[in-house]
C-alpha atoms as a PDB file:
ATOM      1  CA  MET A   1      27.648 -23.161 -26.434  1.00  0.00           C
ATOM      2  CA  GLU A   2      27.883 -26.727 -24.685  1.00  0.00           C
ATOM      3  CA  GLY A   3      24.596 -25.887 -22.929  1.00  0.00           C
ATOM      4  CA  GLU A   4      22.803 -24.877 -26.032  1.00  0.00           C
ATOM      5  CA  ARG A   5      23.980 -28.164 -27.762  1.00  0.00           C
ATOM      6  CA  GLU A   6      22.653 -30.072 -24.647  1.00  0.00           C
ATOM      7  CA  GLN A   7      19.458 -28.294 -24.639  1.00  0.00           C
ATOM      8  CA  ALA A   8      18.972 -28.913 -28.359  1.00  0.00           C
ATOM      9  CA  ILE A   9      19.495 -32.558 -27.866  1.00  0.00           C
ATOM     10  CA  LEU A  10      17.109 -32.825 -25.023  1.00  0.00           C
ATOM     11  CA  THR A  11      14.292 -31.129 -26.972  1.00  0.00           C
ATOM     12  CA  GLU A  12      14.491 -32.658 -30.472  1.00  0.00           C
ATOM     13  CA  LYS A  13      12.316 -35.929 -31.367  1.00  0.00           C
ATOM     14  CA  HIS A  14      14.058 -39.205 -31.089  1.00  0.00           C
ATOM     15  CA  LYS A  15      12.544 -42.128 -32.754  1.00  0.00           C
ATOM     16  CA  GLY A  16      11.540 -44.673 -30.373  1.00  0.00           C
ATOM     17  CA  ILE A  17      12.765 -42.942 -27.609  1.00  0.00           C
ATOM     18  CA  SER A  18      10.185 -41.356 -24.823  1.00  0.00           C
ATOM     19  CA  ARG A  19      10.545 -39.272 -21.794  1.00  0.00           C
ATOM     20  CA  ILE A  20       9.284 -40.914 -18.556  1.00  0.00           C
ATOM     21  CA  GLU A  21       8.709 -38.512 -15.557  1.00  0.00           C
ATOM     22  CA  GLN A  22       6.344 -40.314 -12.980  1.00  0.00           C
ATOM     23  CA  ASP A  23       6.483 -38.548  -9.759  1.00  0.00           C
ATOM     24  CA  THR A  24       4.346 -41.505  -7.928  1.00  0.00           C
ATOM     25  CA  LYS A  25       6.957 -43.831  -8.567  1.00  0.00           C
ATOM     26  CA  SER A  26       9.948 -41.567  -8.539  1.00  0.00           C
ATOM     27  CA  THR A  27      10.862 -42.711 -12.032  1.00  0.00           C
ATOM     28  CA  TYR A  28      12.620 -40.311 -14.504  1.00  0.00           C
ATOM     29  CA  GLY A  29      14.556 -41.174 -17.578  1.00  0.00           C
ATOM     30  CA  TRP A  30      14.374 -42.358 -21.057  1.00  0.00           C
ATOM     31  CA  TYR A  31      12.418 -45.038 -22.314  1.00  0.00           C
ATOM     32  CA  VAL A  32      13.666 -46.905 -25.507  1.00  0.00           C
ATOM     33  CA  ARG A  33      11.720 -48.945 -27.679  1.00  0.00           C
ATOM     34  CA  VAL A  34      12.868 -50.941 -30.940  1.00  0.00           C
ATOM     35  CA  ARG A  35      10.623 -52.915 -32.913  1.00  0.00           C
ATOM     36  CA  PHE A  36      11.418 -55.852 -35.282  1.00  0.00           C
ATOM     37  CA  LYS A  37       9.601 -58.372 -37.032  1.00  0.00           C
ATOM     38  CA  GLY A  38       6.865 -58.494 -34.202  1.00  0.00           C
ATOM     39  CA  ASN A  39       9.251 -58.221 -31.303  1.00  0.00           C
ATOM     40  CA  THR A  40       9.792 -55.448 -28.924  1.00  0.00           C
ATOM     41  CA  PHE A  41      13.263 -54.505 -27.310  1.00  0.00           C
ATOM     42  CA  SER A  42      12.954 -52.233 -24.559  1.00  0.00           C
ATOM     43  CA  LYS A  43      14.997 -50.601 -21.838  1.00  0.00           C
ATOM     44  CA  LEU A  44      14.540 -47.774 -19.297  1.00  0.00           C
ATOM     45  CA  PHE A  45      17.747 -45.239 -19.058  1.00  0.00           C
ATOM     46  CA  SER A  46      17.272 -43.791 -15.501  1.00  0.00           C
ATOM     47  CA  ASP A  47      18.319 -40.171 -14.886  1.00  0.00           C
ATOM     48  CA  LYS A  48      19.588 -41.165 -11.549  1.00  0.00           C
ATOM     49  CA  ILE A  49      21.908 -44.134 -12.584  1.00  0.00           C
ATOM     50  CA  CYS A  50      23.005 -42.619 -15.747  1.00  0.00           C
ATOM     51  CA  GLY A  51      24.258 -39.307 -14.239  1.00  0.00           C
ATOM     52  CA  GLY A  52      21.350 -36.888 -15.402  1.00  0.00           C
ATOM     53  CA  LYS A  53      18.936 -36.053 -18.028  1.00  0.00           C
ATOM     54  CA  HIS A  54      21.431 -35.456 -20.782  1.00  0.00           C
ATOM     55  CA  SER A  55      23.644 -38.236 -20.114  1.00  0.00           C
ATOM     56  CA  SER A  56      20.761 -40.699 -19.835  1.00  0.00           C
ATOM     57  CA  LEU A  57      19.407 -39.610 -23.273  1.00  0.00           C
ATOM     58  CA  LEU A  58      22.787 -39.859 -24.930  1.00  0.00           C
ATOM     59  CA  LEU A  59      23.163 -43.626 -23.374  1.00  0.00           C
ATOM     60  CA  ALA A  60      19.484 -44.236 -24.583  1.00  0.00           C
ATOM     61  CA  ILE A  61      20.291 -43.134 -28.137  1.00  0.00           C
ATOM     62  CA  GLU A  62      23.677 -45.192 -28.168  1.00  0.00           C
ATOM     63  CA  TRP A  63      21.695 -48.441 -26.862  1.00  0.00           C
ATOM     64  CA  ARG A  64      18.775 -47.738 -29.521  1.00  0.00           C
ATOM     65  CA  ASN A  65      21.468 -47.650 -32.535  1.00  0.00           C
ATOM     66  CA  LYS A  66      23.515 -50.700 -31.249  1.00  0.00           C
ATOM     67  CA  THR A  67      20.226 -52.727 -30.891  1.00  0.00           C
ATOM     68  CA  GLU A  68      18.889 -51.659 -34.442  1.00  0.00           C
ATOM     69  CA  LYS A  69      22.626 -52.471 -35.865  1.00  0.00           C
ATOM     70  CA  LYS A  70      22.424 -55.966 -34.074  1.00  0.00           C
ATOM     71  CA  LEU A  71      19.166 -56.695 -35.577  1.00  0.00           C
ATOM     72  CA  GLY A  72      20.074 -55.786 -38.917  1.00  0.00           C
ATOM     73  CA  ILE A  73      17.696 -52.574 -39.083  1.00  0.00           C
ATOM     74  CA  ILE A  74      18.710 -49.685 -41.113  1.00  0.00           C
ATOM     75  CA  ARG A  75      19.101 -46.540 -38.916  1.00  0.00           C
ATOM     76  CA  ASN A  76      16.674 -43.898 -40.076  1.00  0.00           C
ATOM     77  CA  ASP A  77      14.444 -41.364 -38.199  1.00  0.00           C
ATOM     78  CA  LYS A  78      11.561 -41.940 -40.197  1.00  0.00           C
ATOM     79  CA  HIS A  79       8.273 -42.960 -38.804  1.00  0.00           C
ATOM     80  CA  MET A  80       7.042 -46.224 -40.053  1.00  0.00           C
ATOM     81  CA  VAL A  81       3.775 -47.433 -39.299  1.00  0.00           C
ATOM     82  CA  THR A  82       3.670 -51.222 -39.252  1.00  0.00           C
ATOM     83  CA  LEU A  83      -0.047 -51.841 -37.666  1.00  0.00           C
ATOM     84  CA  SER A  84      -3.154 -51.038 -39.687  1.00  0.00           C
ATOM     85  CA  SER A  85      -6.123 -49.334 -38.073  1.00  0.00           C
ATOM     86  CA  SER A  86      -7.813 -48.807 -41.218  1.00  0.00           C
ATOM     87  CA  GLY A  87     -10.127 -52.010 -40.943  1.00  0.00           C
ATOM     88  CA  THR A  88      -8.459 -53.608 -44.307  1.00  0.00           C
ATOM     89  CA  GLY A  89      -5.634 -55.170 -42.232  1.00  0.00           C
ATOM     90  CA  VAL A  90      -3.372 -53.364 -44.873  1.00  0.00           C
ATOM     91  CA  VAL A  91      -1.340 -50.198 -43.664  1.00  0.00           C
ATOM     92  CA  GLY A  92      -2.284 -47.153 -45.905  1.00  0.00           C
ATOM     93  CA  VAL A  93      -5.338 -48.716 -47.639  1.00  0.00           C
ATOM     94  CA  ARG A  94      -8.833 -47.911 -46.249  1.00  0.00           C
ATOM     95  CA  LEU A  95     -12.521 -48.623 -47.668  1.00  0.00           C
ATOM     96  CA  ASN A  96     -14.422 -45.695 -48.115  1.00  0.00           C
ATOM     97  CA  ASN A  97     -17.801 -46.651 -48.316  1.00  0.00           C
ATOM     98  CA  GLU A  98     -19.608 -43.633 -48.797  1.00  0.00           C
ATOM     99  CA  LEU A  99     -17.551 -42.641 -52.085  1.00  0.00           C
ATOM    100  CA  HIS A 100     -17.533 -46.770 -52.936  1.00  0.00           C
ATOM    101  CA  ARG A 101     -13.457 -46.757 -53.365  1.00  0.00           C
ATOM    102  CA  TYR A 102     -10.229 -47.785 -51.694  1.00  0.00           C
ATOM    103  CA  GLU A 103      -8.171 -44.836 -50.553  1.00  0.00           C
ATOM    104  CA  VAL A 104      -4.384 -45.386 -50.655  1.00  0.00           C
ATOM    105  CA  SER A 105      -1.834 -43.193 -48.897  1.00  0.00           C
ATOM    106  CA  TRP A 106       1.890 -43.198 -48.636  1.00  0.00           C
ATOM    107  CA  VAL A 107       4.671 -41.045 -47.508  1.00  0.00           C
ATOM    108  CA  ASN A 108       7.625 -40.513 -50.183  1.00  0.00           C
ATOM    109  CA  ASP A 109      11.219 -40.602 -49.215  1.00  0.00           C
ATOM    110  CA  GLN A 110      11.198 -36.511 -48.939  1.00  0.00           C
ATOM    111  CA  GLY A 111       8.540 -36.835 -46.406  1.00  0.00           C
ATOM    112  CA  LYS A 112       5.607 -35.609 -48.677  1.00  0.00           C
ATOM    113  CA  GLN A 113       1.903 -37.334 -48.095  1.00  0.00           C
ATOM    114  CA  GLY A 114       0.788 -39.141 -51.438  1.00  0.00           C
ATOM    115  CA  LYS A 115      -2.794 -40.029 -51.953  1.00  0.00           C
ATOM    116  CA  THR A 116      -4.918 -41.738 -54.757  1.00  0.00           C
ATOM    117  CA  SER A 117      -8.220 -43.853 -54.538  1.00  0.00           C
ATOM    118  CA  VAL A 118      -9.305 -47.069 -56.685  1.00  0.00           C
ATOM    119  CA  SER A 119     -12.975 -47.231 -57.669  1.00  0.00           C
ATOM    120  CA  ILE A 120     -15.097 -50.029 -56.478  1.00  0.00           C
ATOM    121  CA  ALA A 121     -17.933 -49.196 -59.115  1.00  0.00           C
ATOM    122  CA  LYS A 122     -15.261 -49.404 -62.120  1.00  0.00           C
ATOM    123  CA  HIS A 123     -13.228 -52.627 -60.791  1.00  0.00           C
ATOM    124  CA  GLY A 124     -15.515 -54.352 -58.397  1.00  0.00           C
ATOM    125  CA  LYS A 125     -14.601 -54.675 -54.752  1.00  0.00           C
ATOM    126  CA  LYS A 126     -12.081 -57.427 -54.616  1.00  0.00           C
ATOM    127  CA  GLU A 127     -10.031 -56.014 -57.908  1.00  0.00           C
ATOM    128  CA  ALA A 128     -10.340 -52.603 -56.402  1.00  0.00           C
ATOM    129  CA  PHE A 129      -8.731 -53.782 -53.208  1.00  0.00           C
ATOM    130  CA  SER A 130      -5.882 -55.872 -55.031  1.00  0.00           C
ATOM    131  CA  ARG A 131      -5.030 -52.908 -57.182  1.00  0.00           C
ATOM    132  CA  ALA A 132      -4.994 -50.569 -54.023  1.00  0.00           C
ATOM    133  CA  CYS A 133      -2.705 -53.160 -52.203  1.00  0.00           C
ATOM    134  CA  ALA A 134      -0.229 -53.128 -55.378  1.00  0.00           C
ATOM    135  CA  ILE A 135      -0.246 -49.169 -55.606  1.00  0.00           C
ATOM    136  CA  ARG A 136       0.753 -49.040 -51.689  1.00  0.00           C
ATOM    137  CA  ARG A 137       3.573 -51.792 -52.261  1.00  0.00           C
ATOM    138  CA  GLU A 138       4.913 -49.929 -55.378  1.00  0.00           C
ATOM    139  CA  LYS A 139       4.905 -46.535 -53.620  1.00  0.00           C
ATOM    140  CA  GLU A 140       6.492 -48.322 -50.241  1.00  0.00           C
ATOM    141  CA  ASN A 141       9.232 -50.107 -52.397  1.00  0.00           C
ATOM    142  CA  ALA A 142      10.001 -46.677 -54.288  1.00  0.00           C
ATOM    143  CA  ARG A 143      10.525 -44.761 -50.812  1.00  0.00           C
ATOM    144  CA  HIS A 144      12.858 -47.594 -49.366  1.00  0.00           C
ATOM    145  CA  ILE A 145      14.931 -47.721 -52.643  1.00  0.00           C
ATOM    146  CA  ASP A 146      15.045 -43.818 -52.963  1.00  0.00           C
ATOM    147  CA  SER A 147      16.187 -43.430 -49.296  1.00  0.00           C
ATOM    148  CA  ILE A 148      19.286 -45.842 -49.451  1.00  0.00           C
END
């Protein structure tokens, strides 16, 4: 029974924790990253030093949780995108030139994807972008309020 629980912990995903297995450098362990306000706090938990794969993972989880608490981060396992790769500079808002609109996407507190768009032809480029950003902010705020 204990072996099954141990295996379940090892195979499930843990936010901010990655497995490192680098044969060329004999590095095996769990790498933890906590990102907050543009800063990254990280630490490697070596299997050899921590007493094995399972115990190093448990220590990594404990360190991540304590670090988040110390920084004032509310613990959750939801993936949060904080950098935009859409070209607009706003997470969840992208320009679709072919369809002449800004597309807005978000994830609600139940983990469901939501999407809408704002027409550039109807509102003009500047106003459409402003409306798209307002929708994204509204949806993000609703998710954070609902998850508390």
